[in-house]
Amino acid sequence: MKKLALNLPAILKMICTLAALVVEEPGKGVEKKQKAIQLVHEFVHSMGLYIPKAILDLILPPLIDQVVGILNQTVWMSPNTISN
């Protein structure tokens, strides 16, 4: 269990990345963020991990923003961005 605790930030970042990819559609940023947060909550709960909801509610919004920022610069680059 110690190894899981040490890797928890990396695990949450991977889960947030997957959630952001699952809910991706153009526009509706706030709605997508809420869907991603809900998916992460459900996944953490389904895995039997105990992370208090208050903690997840505190760390997930900025973590998802960070993940989406990275995805915007890499995976979700538009053809116009690539040619510039």
N, C-alpha and C. Protein backbone atom coordinates (compact mmCIF):
# COMPACT_ATOMS: atom_id res chain seq x y z
N MET A 1 0.82 -1.19 0.00
CA MET A 1 0.00 0.00 0.00
C MET A 1 0.86 1.25 0.00
N LYS A 2 2.07 1.19 0.57
CA LYS A 2 2.94 2.37 0.57
C LYS A 2 3.27 2.81 -0.84
N LYS A 3 3.54 1.86 -1.74
CA LYS A 3 3.88 2.23 -3.11
C LYS A 3 2.73 2.98 -3.77
N LEU A 4 1.52 2.57 -3.52
CA LEU A 4 0.36 3.26 -4.07
C LEU A 4 0.31 4.69 -3.57
N ALA A 5 0.54 4.88 -2.27
CA ALA A 5 0.51 6.22 -1.70
C ALA A 5 1.59 7.10 -2.32
N LEU A 6 2.76 6.53 -2.56
CA LEU A 6 3.83 7.31 -3.15
C LEU A 6 3.53 7.69 -4.59
N ASN A 7 2.80 6.86 -5.28
CA ASN A 7 2.49 7.11 -6.68
C ASN A 7 1.12 7.74 -6.90
N LEU A 8 0.42 8.05 -5.84
CA LEU A 8 -0.94 8.56 -5.97
C LEU A 8 -1.04 9.81 -6.84
N PRO A 9 -0.16 10.80 -6.72
CA PRO A 9 -0.26 11.96 -7.62
C PRO A 9 -0.12 11.57 -9.09
N ALA A 10 0.81 10.68 -9.40
CA ALA A 10 0.98 10.24 -10.79
C ALA A 10 -0.23 9.45 -11.26
N ILE A 11 -0.78 8.63 -10.39
CA ILE A 11 -1.97 7.84 -10.74
C ILE A 11 -3.15 8.77 -11.01
N LEU A 12 -3.35 9.76 -10.15
CA LEU A 12 -4.46 10.70 -10.35
C LEU A 12 -4.27 11.49 -11.64
N LYS A 13 -3.04 11.85 -11.97
CA LYS A 13 -2.78 12.59 -13.20
C LYS A 13 -3.13 11.72 -14.42
N MET A 14 -2.78 10.43 -14.37
CA MET A 14 -3.13 9.53 -15.48
C MET A 14 -4.64 9.38 -15.60
N ILE A 15 -5.32 9.25 -14.47
CA ILE A 15 -6.78 9.11 -14.49
C ILE A 15 -7.42 10.38 -15.05
N CYS A 16 -6.90 11.54 -14.65
CA CYS A 16 -7.42 12.82 -15.16
C CYS A 16 -7.19 12.93 -16.66
N THR A 17 -6.05 12.46 -17.13
CA THR A 17 -5.76 12.50 -18.57
C THR A 17 -6.77 11.64 -19.33
N LEU A 18 -7.00 10.43 -18.83
CA LEU A 18 -7.97 9.55 -19.49
C LEU A 18 -9.37 10.18 -19.45
N ALA A 19 -9.75 10.75 -18.33
CA ALA A 19 -11.07 11.37 -18.23
C ALA A 19 -11.20 12.54 -19.20
N ALA A 20 -10.16 13.35 -19.31
CA ALA A 20 -10.20 14.48 -20.24
C ALA A 20 -10.33 14.00 -21.68
N LEU A 21 -9.65 12.92 -22.00
CA LEU A 21 -9.75 12.37 -23.36
C LEU A 21 -11.14 11.80 -23.64
N VAL A 22 -11.74 11.18 -22.63
CA VAL A 22 -13.07 10.57 -22.80
C VAL A 22 -14.14 11.63 -23.03
N VAL A 23 -14.07 12.74 -22.31
CA VAL A 23 -15.14 13.75 -22.41
C VAL A 23 -14.86 14.80 -23.47
N GLU A 24 -13.78 14.68 -24.22
CA GLU A 24 -13.40 15.72 -25.18
C GLU A 24 -14.42 15.87 -26.30
N GLU A 25 -14.82 17.10 -26.52
CA GLU A 25 -15.63 17.53 -27.65
C GLU A 25 -15.44 19.04 -27.72
N PRO A 26 -15.49 19.61 -28.87
CA PRO A 26 -15.23 21.05 -28.99
C PRO A 26 -16.21 21.88 -28.17
N GLY A 27 -15.68 22.87 -27.48
CA GLY A 27 -16.52 23.77 -26.68
C GLY A 27 -16.93 23.18 -25.35
N LYS A 28 -17.77 23.89 -24.64
CA LYS A 28 -18.34 23.44 -23.36
C LYS A 28 -17.27 23.09 -22.33
N GLY A 29 -16.25 23.95 -22.17
CA GLY A 29 -15.14 23.67 -21.28
C GLY A 29 -15.53 23.37 -19.85
N VAL A 30 -16.40 24.20 -19.27
CA VAL A 30 -16.79 24.01 -17.88
C VAL A 30 -17.56 22.70 -17.71
N GLU A 31 -18.44 22.42 -18.64
CA GLU A 31 -19.23 21.19 -18.59
C GLU A 31 -18.32 19.96 -18.71
N LYS A 32 -17.35 20.02 -19.62
CA LYS A 32 -16.41 18.90 -19.80
C LYS A 32 -15.58 18.69 -18.54
N LYS A 33 -15.17 19.79 -17.92
CA LYS A 33 -14.37 19.69 -16.70
C LYS A 33 -15.16 18.99 -15.60
N GLN A 34 -16.44 19.35 -15.45
CA GLN A 34 -17.28 18.71 -14.44
C GLN A 34 -17.48 17.22 -14.74
N LYS A 35 -17.65 16.88 -16.01
CA LYS A 35 -17.79 15.48 -16.40
C LYS A 35 -16.50 14.71 -16.08
N ALA A 36 -15.36 15.32 -16.36
CA ALA A 36 -14.07 14.68 -16.09
C ALA A 36 -13.90 14.46 -14.59
N ILE A 37 -14.25 15.47 -13.80
CA ILE A 37 -14.14 15.34 -12.34
C ILE A 37 -15.04 14.21 -11.85
N GLN A 38 -16.25 14.13 -12.37
CA GLN A 38 -17.17 13.06 -11.97
C GLN A 38 -16.62 11.69 -12.35
N LEU A 39 -16.04 11.58 -13.54
CA LEU A 39 -15.44 10.31 -13.96
C LEU A 39 -14.31 9.89 -13.03
N VAL A 40 -13.48 10.84 -12.64
CA VAL A 40 -12.37 10.53 -11.73
C VAL A 40 -12.91 10.07 -10.38
N HIS A 41 -13.92 10.78 -9.85
CA HIS A 41 -14.55 10.37 -8.60
C HIS A 41 -15.05 8.93 -8.69
N GLU A 42 -15.76 8.62 -9.76
CA GLU A 42 -16.33 7.29 -9.93
C GLU A 42 -15.24 6.23 -10.05
N PHE A 43 -14.18 6.54 -10.79
CA PHE A 43 -13.10 5.58 -10.97
C PHE A 43 -12.39 5.30 -9.65
N VAL A 44 -12.05 6.36 -8.93
CA VAL A 44 -11.37 6.20 -7.64
C VAL A 44 -12.23 5.36 -6.71
N HIS A 45 -13.53 5.65 -6.66
CA HIS A 45 -14.44 4.88 -5.81
C HIS A 45 -14.52 3.42 -6.26
N SER A 46 -14.62 3.19 -7.56
CA SER A 46 -14.76 1.82 -8.07
C SER A 46 -13.50 0.98 -7.82
N MET A 47 -12.35 1.64 -7.70
CA MET A 47 -11.10 0.93 -7.43
C MET A 47 -10.92 0.66 -5.93
N GLY A 48 -11.83 1.15 -5.13
CA GLY A 48 -11.75 0.93 -3.70
C GLY A 48 -10.70 1.79 -3.01
N LEU A 49 -10.28 2.86 -3.69
CA LEU A 49 -9.32 3.77 -3.08
C LEU A 49 -10.07 4.75 -2.20
N TYR A 50 -9.57 4.98 -1.00
CA TYR A 50 -10.22 5.95 -0.13
C TYR A 50 -9.46 7.26 -0.20
N ILE A 51 -10.03 8.18 -0.93
CA ILE A 51 -9.54 9.55 -0.96
C ILE A 51 -10.76 10.41 -0.63
N PRO A 52 -10.71 11.15 0.46
CA PRO A 52 -11.89 11.94 0.83
C PRO A 52 -12.35 12.85 -0.31
N LYS A 53 -13.66 12.95 -0.47
CA LYS A 53 -14.24 13.77 -1.54
C LYS A 53 -13.74 15.21 -1.46
N ALA A 54 -13.60 15.74 -0.25
CA ALA A 54 -13.13 17.11 -0.10
C ALA A 54 -11.73 17.29 -0.67
N ILE A 55 -10.89 16.28 -0.52
CA ILE A 55 -9.53 16.34 -1.06
C ILE A 55 -9.58 16.30 -2.58
N LEU A 56 -10.37 15.37 -3.13
CA LEU A 56 -10.49 15.29 -4.59
C LEU A 56 -11.07 16.58 -5.16
N ASP A 57 -12.06 17.14 -4.49
CA ASP A 57 -12.67 18.39 -4.97
C ASP A 57 -11.67 19.54 -4.94
N LEU A 58 -10.69 19.45 -4.08
CA LEU A 58 -9.67 20.49 -3.99
C LEU A 58 -8.58 20.34 -5.06
N ILE A 59 -8.16 19.10 -5.32
CA ILE A 59 -7.02 18.91 -6.22
C ILE A 59 -7.39 18.63 -7.67
N LEU A 60 -8.58 18.11 -7.92
CA LEU A 60 -8.92 17.74 -9.30
C LEU A 60 -9.08 18.92 -10.26
N PRO A 61 -9.75 20.01 -9.90
CA PRO A 61 -9.89 21.10 -10.87
C PRO A 61 -8.56 21.63 -11.40
N PRO A 62 -7.58 21.97 -10.54
CA PRO A 62 -6.32 22.44 -11.11
C PRO A 62 -5.54 21.35 -11.83
N LEU A 63 -5.68 20.11 -11.37
CA LEU A 63 -4.99 19.00 -12.04
C LEU A 63 -5.56 18.79 -13.44
N ILE A 64 -6.86 18.85 -13.59
CA ILE A 64 -7.48 18.70 -14.90
C ILE A 64 -7.10 19.88 -15.80
N ASP A 65 -7.05 21.09 -15.24
CA ASP A 65 -6.60 22.24 -16.02
C ASP A 65 -5.19 22.03 -16.54
N GLN A 66 -4.32 21.51 -15.70
CA GLN A 66 -2.94 21.25 -16.10
C GLN A 66 -2.89 20.20 -17.22
N VAL A 67 -3.62 19.12 -17.05
CA VAL A 67 -3.65 18.06 -18.06
C VAL A 67 -4.19 18.59 -19.38
N VAL A 68 -5.28 19.34 -19.34
CA VAL A 68 -5.87 19.88 -20.56
C VAL A 68 -4.91 20.87 -21.23
N GLY A 69 -4.20 21.66 -20.44
CA GLY A 69 -3.21 22.56 -21.00
C GLY A 69 -2.14 21.82 -21.78
N ILE A 70 -1.68 20.71 -21.22
CA ILE A 70 -0.68 19.88 -21.91
C ILE A 70 -1.28 19.26 -23.17
N LEU A 71 -2.49 18.74 -23.06
CA LEU A 71 -3.15 18.13 -24.22
C LEU A 71 -3.38 19.17 -25.32
N ASN A 72 -3.72 20.39 -24.93
CA ASN A 72 -3.94 21.45 -25.92
C ASN A 72 -2.68 21.76 -26.71
N GLN A 73 -1.54 21.60 -26.08
CA GLN A 73 -0.26 21.90 -26.74
C GLN A 73 0.31 20.71 -27.50
N THR A 74 -0.25 19.53 -27.29
CA THR A 74 0.32 18.33 -27.92
C THR A 74 -0.74 17.57 -28.71
N VAL A 75 -1.52 16.80 -28.05
CA VAL A 75 -2.47 15.88 -28.69
C VAL A 75 -3.55 16.61 -29.48
N TRP A 76 -4.06 17.71 -28.94
CA TRP A 76 -5.18 18.40 -29.57
C TRP A 76 -4.76 19.57 -30.45
N MET A 77 -3.54 19.53 -30.93
CA MET A 77 -3.09 20.62 -31.79
C MET A 77 -3.88 20.62 -33.09
N SER A 78 -4.26 21.79 -33.54
CA SER A 78 -5.00 21.89 -34.79
C SER A 78 -3.99 21.98 -35.94
N PRO A 79 -4.41 21.70 -37.17
CA PRO A 79 -3.51 21.84 -38.31
C PRO A 79 -2.95 23.26 -38.42
N ASN A 80 -3.75 24.29 -38.05
CA ASN A 80 -3.26 25.67 -38.10
C ASN A 80 -2.13 25.88 -37.10
N THR A 81 -2.23 25.25 -35.93
CA THR A 81 -1.18 25.40 -34.92
C THR A 81 0.10 24.75 -35.39
N ILE A 82 -0.01 23.62 -36.05
CA ILE A 82 1.17 22.88 -36.51
C ILE A 82 1.92 23.66 -37.59
N SER A 83 1.18 24.32 -38.47
CA SER A 83 1.83 25.02 -39.59
C SER A 83 2.49 26.33 -39.17
N ASN A 84 2.11 26.87 -38.01
CA ASN A 84 2.69 28.15 -37.55
C ASN A 84 4.07 27.97 -37.00
